[in-house]
Protein backbone atom coordinates (compact mmCIF):
# COMPACT_ATOMS: atom_id res chain seq x y z
CA UNK A 1 -10.13 4.37 -17.80
CA UNK A 2 -9.88 7.38 -15.98
CA UNK A 3 -7.13 7.21 -13.19
CA UNK A 4 -6.67 10.21 -10.69
CA UNK A 5 -3.92 12.72 -10.95
CA UNK A 6 -1.15 12.48 -8.97
CA UNK A 7 -2.10 13.37 -5.75
CA UNK A 8 -5.19 11.70 -6.66
CA UNK A 9 -7.92 11.64 -3.81
CA UNK A 10 -5.64 9.27 -0.78
CA UNK A 11 -4.86 10.74 2.40
CA UNK A 12 -8.91 12.30 2.36
CA UNK A 13 -9.80 10.27 4.27
CA UNK A 14 -7.33 10.11 6.64
CA UNK A 15 -6.87 12.91 7.58
CA UNK A 16 -10.69 13.63 8.22
CA UNK A 17 -10.49 10.83 10.88
CA UNK A 18 -10.65 7.26 10.24
CA UNK A 19 -11.94 5.02 12.93
CA UNK A 20 -15.58 5.92 12.64
CA UNK A 21 -15.71 5.15 9.28
CA UNK A 22 -13.50 2.33 8.70
CA UNK A 23 -15.12 0.62 11.63
CA UNK A 24 -18.64 0.97 10.26
CA UNK A 25 -16.96 -0.66 6.41
CA UNK A 26 -15.79 -3.64 8.41
CA UNK A 27 -18.30 -4.77 10.51
CA UNK A 28 -15.34 -6.97 12.43
CA UNK A 29 -12.96 -6.54 15.79
CA UNK A 30 -10.34 -3.51 15.54
CA UNK A 31 -6.67 -4.74 16.43
CA UNK A 32 -4.89 -1.27 15.38
CA UNK A 33 -4.90 2.11 16.41
CA UNK A 34 -6.17 3.50 13.15
CA UNK A 35 -9.17 0.96 13.30
CA UNK A 36 -7.20 -1.23 10.80
CA UNK A 37 -9.62 -4.10 9.43
CA UNK A 38 -8.99 -8.03 10.60
CA UNK A 39 -10.17 -9.66 7.72
CA UNK A 40 -8.71 -12.17 5.16
CA UNK A 41 -7.39 -11.62 2.11
CA UNK A 42 -5.48 -13.58 -0.93
CA UNK A 43 -2.74 -13.27 -2.16
CA UNK A 44 -1.68 -14.18 -5.65
CA UNK A 45 -0.68 -17.33 -4.36
CA UNK A 46 -3.69 -18.15 -3.07
CA UNK A 47 -2.51 -18.04 0.52
CA UNK A 48 -5.17 -16.36 2.65
CA UNK A 49 -3.96 -13.32 4.93
CA UNK A 50 -5.27 -11.15 7.56
CA UNK A 51 -4.90 -7.69 7.26
CA UNK A 52 -3.86 -6.76 10.21
CA UNK A 53 -2.23 -9.64 12.01
CA UNK A 54 -0.57 -10.75 9.37
CA UNK A 55 0.45 -7.92 7.15
CA UNK A 56 0.52 -4.46 9.06
CA UNK A 57 1.07 -6.08 12.92
CA UNK A 58 4.47 -4.79 13.71
CA UNK A 59 5.72 -4.23 10.32
CA UNK A 60 6.95 -0.88 8.18
CA UNK A 61 4.45 -1.16 4.86
CA UNK A 62 3.82 0.35 1.53
CA UNK A 63 0.63 -0.27 0.37
CA UNK A 64 -1.45 0.93 -3.06
CA UNK A 65 -4.24 -0.23 -4.47
CA UNK A 66 -4.90 -1.12 -8.57
CA UNK A 67 -6.07 -2.98 -10.94
CA UNK A 68 -4.84 -5.82 -13.21
CA UNK A 69 -7.60 -4.16 -16.13
CA UNK A 70 -6.23 -0.80 -15.88
CA UNK A 71 -4.74 1.26 -18.60
CA UNK A 72 -3.77 4.20 -17.17
CA UNK A 73 -1.79 4.93 -14.08
CA UNK A 74 -1.35 1.20 -12.66
CA UNK A 75 1.41 -0.67 -15.03
CA UNK A 76 3.31 2.45 -14.56
CA UNK A 77 3.16 2.85 -11.16
CA UNK A 78 3.42 -1.05 -10.99
CA UNK A 79 7.77 -0.35 -12.65
CA UNK A 80 8.13 2.74 -10.70
CA UNK A 81 7.42 0.62 -6.74
CA UNK A 82 9.54 -2.55 -8.98
CA UNK A 83 12.95 0.77 -9.32
CA UNK A 84 11.85 1.20 -5.43
CA UNK A 85 11.86 -2.86 -5.07
CA UNK A 86 15.44 -3.07 -6.31
CA UNK A 87 16.45 -0.05 -3.99
CA UNK A 88 15.09 -1.87 -0.87
CA UNK A 89 17.52 -5.06 -2.17
CA UNK A 90 16.80 -7.78 0.54
CA UNK A 91 14.66 -5.71 3.09
CA UNK A 92 11.40 -6.68 0.72
CA UNK A 93 9.67 -9.24 2.75
CA UNK A 94 11.79 -8.86 5.40
CA UNK A 95 12.34 -5.23 6.93
CA UNK A 96 9.62 -4.07 4.40
CA UNK A 97 6.64 -4.62 3.19
CA UNK A 98 4.78 -4.15 -0.51
CA UNK A 99 1.57 -4.86 -1.22
CA UNK A 100 -0.68 -4.16 -3.72
CA UNK A 101 -4.53 -4.90 -3.16
CA UNK A 102 -6.62 -4.95 -5.54
CA UNK A 103 -9.71 -2.64 -6.77
CA UNK A 104 -11.25 -5.07 -8.49
CA UNK A 105 -11.65 -8.16 -6.39
CA UNK A 106 -14.59 -9.55 -8.03
CA UNK A 107 -12.62 -9.63 -10.92
CA UNK A 108 -9.29 -10.14 -10.27
CA UNK A 109 -8.47 -13.24 -8.65
CA UNK A 110 -5.32 -14.10 -7.25
CA UNK A 111 -4.50 -16.24 -10.47
CA UNK A 112 -4.86 -12.88 -12.47
CA UNK A 113 -2.97 -11.01 -9.64
CA UNK A 114 -0.53 -13.58 -10.45
CA UNK A 115 -0.29 -13.29 -13.42
CA UNK A 116 0.08 -9.20 -13.84
CA UNK A 117 3.04 -9.54 -11.16
CA UNK A 118 4.27 -11.61 -13.64
CA UNK A 119 4.29 -9.79 -16.27
CA UNK A 120 5.33 -7.17 -14.65
CA UNK A 121 8.57 -8.71 -14.12
CA UNK A 122 8.02 -7.84 -9.99
CA UNK A 123 10.15 -10.38 -7.60
CA UNK A 124 9.66 -11.58 -4.28
CA UNK A 125 8.64 -10.17 -0.88
CA UNK A 126 5.81 -8.18 -2.89
CA UNK A 127 2.49 -10.11 -2.44
CA UNK A 128 -0.92 -8.82 -4.18
CA UNK A 129 -4.44 -9.26 -2.54
CA UNK A 130 -7.54 -9.26 -3.48
CA UNK A 131 -10.64 -10.49 -1.39
CA UNK A 132 -14.65 -10.50 -0.79
CA UNK A 133 -15.63 -7.20 -2.48
CA UNK A 134 -16.48 -5.84 1.05
CA UNK A 135 -13.47 -6.65 2.96
CA UNK A 136 -11.79 -4.85 0.33
CA UNK A 137 -13.78 -1.73 1.04
CA UNK A 138 -12.91 -2.21 4.63
CA UNK A 139 -9.70 -2.08 3.75
CA UNK A 140 -9.75 0.75 1.26
CA UNK A 141 -11.37 3.60 3.46
CA UNK A 142 -9.50 2.09 6.47
CA UNK A 143 -6.42 3.11 4.24
CA UNK A 144 -8.05 6.57 3.36
CA UNK A 145 -8.18 5.64 0.14
CA UNK A 146 -11.74 7.21 -0.67
CA UNK A 147 -12.64 11.04 -1.23
CA UNK A 148 -15.50 12.15 1.32
CA UNK A 149 -17.70 13.31 -1.45
CA UNK A 150 -19.65 10.03 -2.33
CA UNK A 151 -20.29 10.67 -5.51
CA UNK A 152 -16.60 11.36 -6.87
CA UNK A 153 -15.91 7.94 -4.26
CA UNK A 154 -18.12 5.82 -5.95
CA UNK A 155 -16.18 6.44 -8.86
CA UNK A 156 -14.00 3.36 -9.21
CA UNK A 157 -12.81 4.35 -12.37
CA UNK A 158 -11.12 7.86 -10.90
CA UNK A 159 -8.57 6.27 -8.63
CA UNK A 160 -5.76 8.00 -6.90
CA UNK A 161 -1.94 7.45 -7.48
CA UNK A 162 -0.13 7.34 -3.94
CA UNK A 163 1.18 4.48 -1.86
CA UNK A 164 0.00 4.47 2.07
CA UNK A 165 3.57 3.81 3.71
CA UNK A 166 3.50 3.56 7.68
CA UNK A 167 4.82 1.93 11.04
CA UNK A 168 3.26 -0.18 12.75
CA UNK A 169 5.18 -0.83 15.79
CA UNK A 170 5.77 3.09 16.30
CA UNK A 171 1.85 3.99 14.80
CA UNK A 172 4.11 6.69 12.15
CA UNK A 173 1.81 6.98 8.73
CA UNK A 174 2.84 8.84 5.42
CA UNK A 175 1.89 8.93 1.81
CA UNK A 176 3.75 9.43 -1.04
CA UNK A 177 2.42 10.22 -5.19
CA UNK A 178 3.30 5.84 -6.59
CA UNK A 179 4.89 8.23 -9.17
CA UNK A 180 7.22 9.89 -7.40
CA UNK A 181 11.01 9.51 -7.31
CA UNK A 182 12.05 5.90 -6.19
CA UNK A 183 14.49 7.70 -4.09
CA UNK A 184 12.11 10.02 -2.24
CA UNK A 185 10.19 6.96 -2.26
CA UNK A 186 12.59 4.97 -0.48
CA UNK A 187 13.39 8.48 2.12
CA UNK A 188 10.16 8.06 2.94
CA UNK A 189 10.07 4.57 4.06
CA UNK A 190 13.38 5.06 5.98
CA UNK A 191 11.67 7.92 7.37
CA UNK A 192 8.89 6.22 9.57
CA UNK A 193 11.94 3.14 9.94
CA UNK A 194 13.51 4.26 12.78
CA UNK A 195 15.38 1.44 12.96
CA UNK A 196 17.18 1.93 9.47
CA UNK A 197 17.31 5.88 9.05
CA UNK A 198 20.30 6.59 10.77
CA UNK A 199 22.55 2.94 9.21
CA UNK A 200 24.99 3.38 7.78
CA UNK A 201 23.75 2.43 3.95
CA UNK A 202 21.62 5.39 4.51
CA UNK A 203 23.97 8.27 5.42
CA UNK A 204 26.51 6.92 2.88
CA UNK A 205 22.98 7.55 0.60
CA UNK A 206 21.98 10.82 1.45
CA UNK A 207 26.18 11.53 1.44
CA UNK A 208 26.49 12.44 5.16
CA UNK A 209 29.20 11.10 7.41
CA UNK A 210 27.51 7.95 8.82
CA UNK A 211 29.45 8.35 11.69
CA UNK A 212 27.76 11.68 12.96
């Protein structure tokens, strides 16, 4: 399997404006200013969830795309995100939500995703998601994980190694390489979450005086 480089093609769609293409792809009502679809996905535990209403609305999130049979960047990226999960501690699933969405929903059942998460020793609060192929496609496009060149975009073996990081409440979004330094990924999450970024914990991590 070929994997795109660390920068890959993620973010191209975001920079070019997602609203129109995401709306055409999803074919369902929208709930956010970014045009994120409210399609139904399924967690690795078999629980159905609405993408926007249940996973994104009002939350700080980090989202990547992967598939369980990937032998390139996916296993290493998952291991790197596991370190991010460790650094986040009890914030995971409460203040920060981690989501990994399969690029191969026709193969990656909830059971397959659960086995993958267990194999990679993923802790609680990190959801792996699958769904109908057309719904996963709508989510992929809405998040900007696509290339504007159709021939490149059709080759799902060339997927990016990026995280979409966002705070829906403030409509503040960014991205980071999934293989980036875990501390830097944590810093990007803190940046989109002003409720936390000036906390004593963050100030100590940055080596600054928390009273400043």
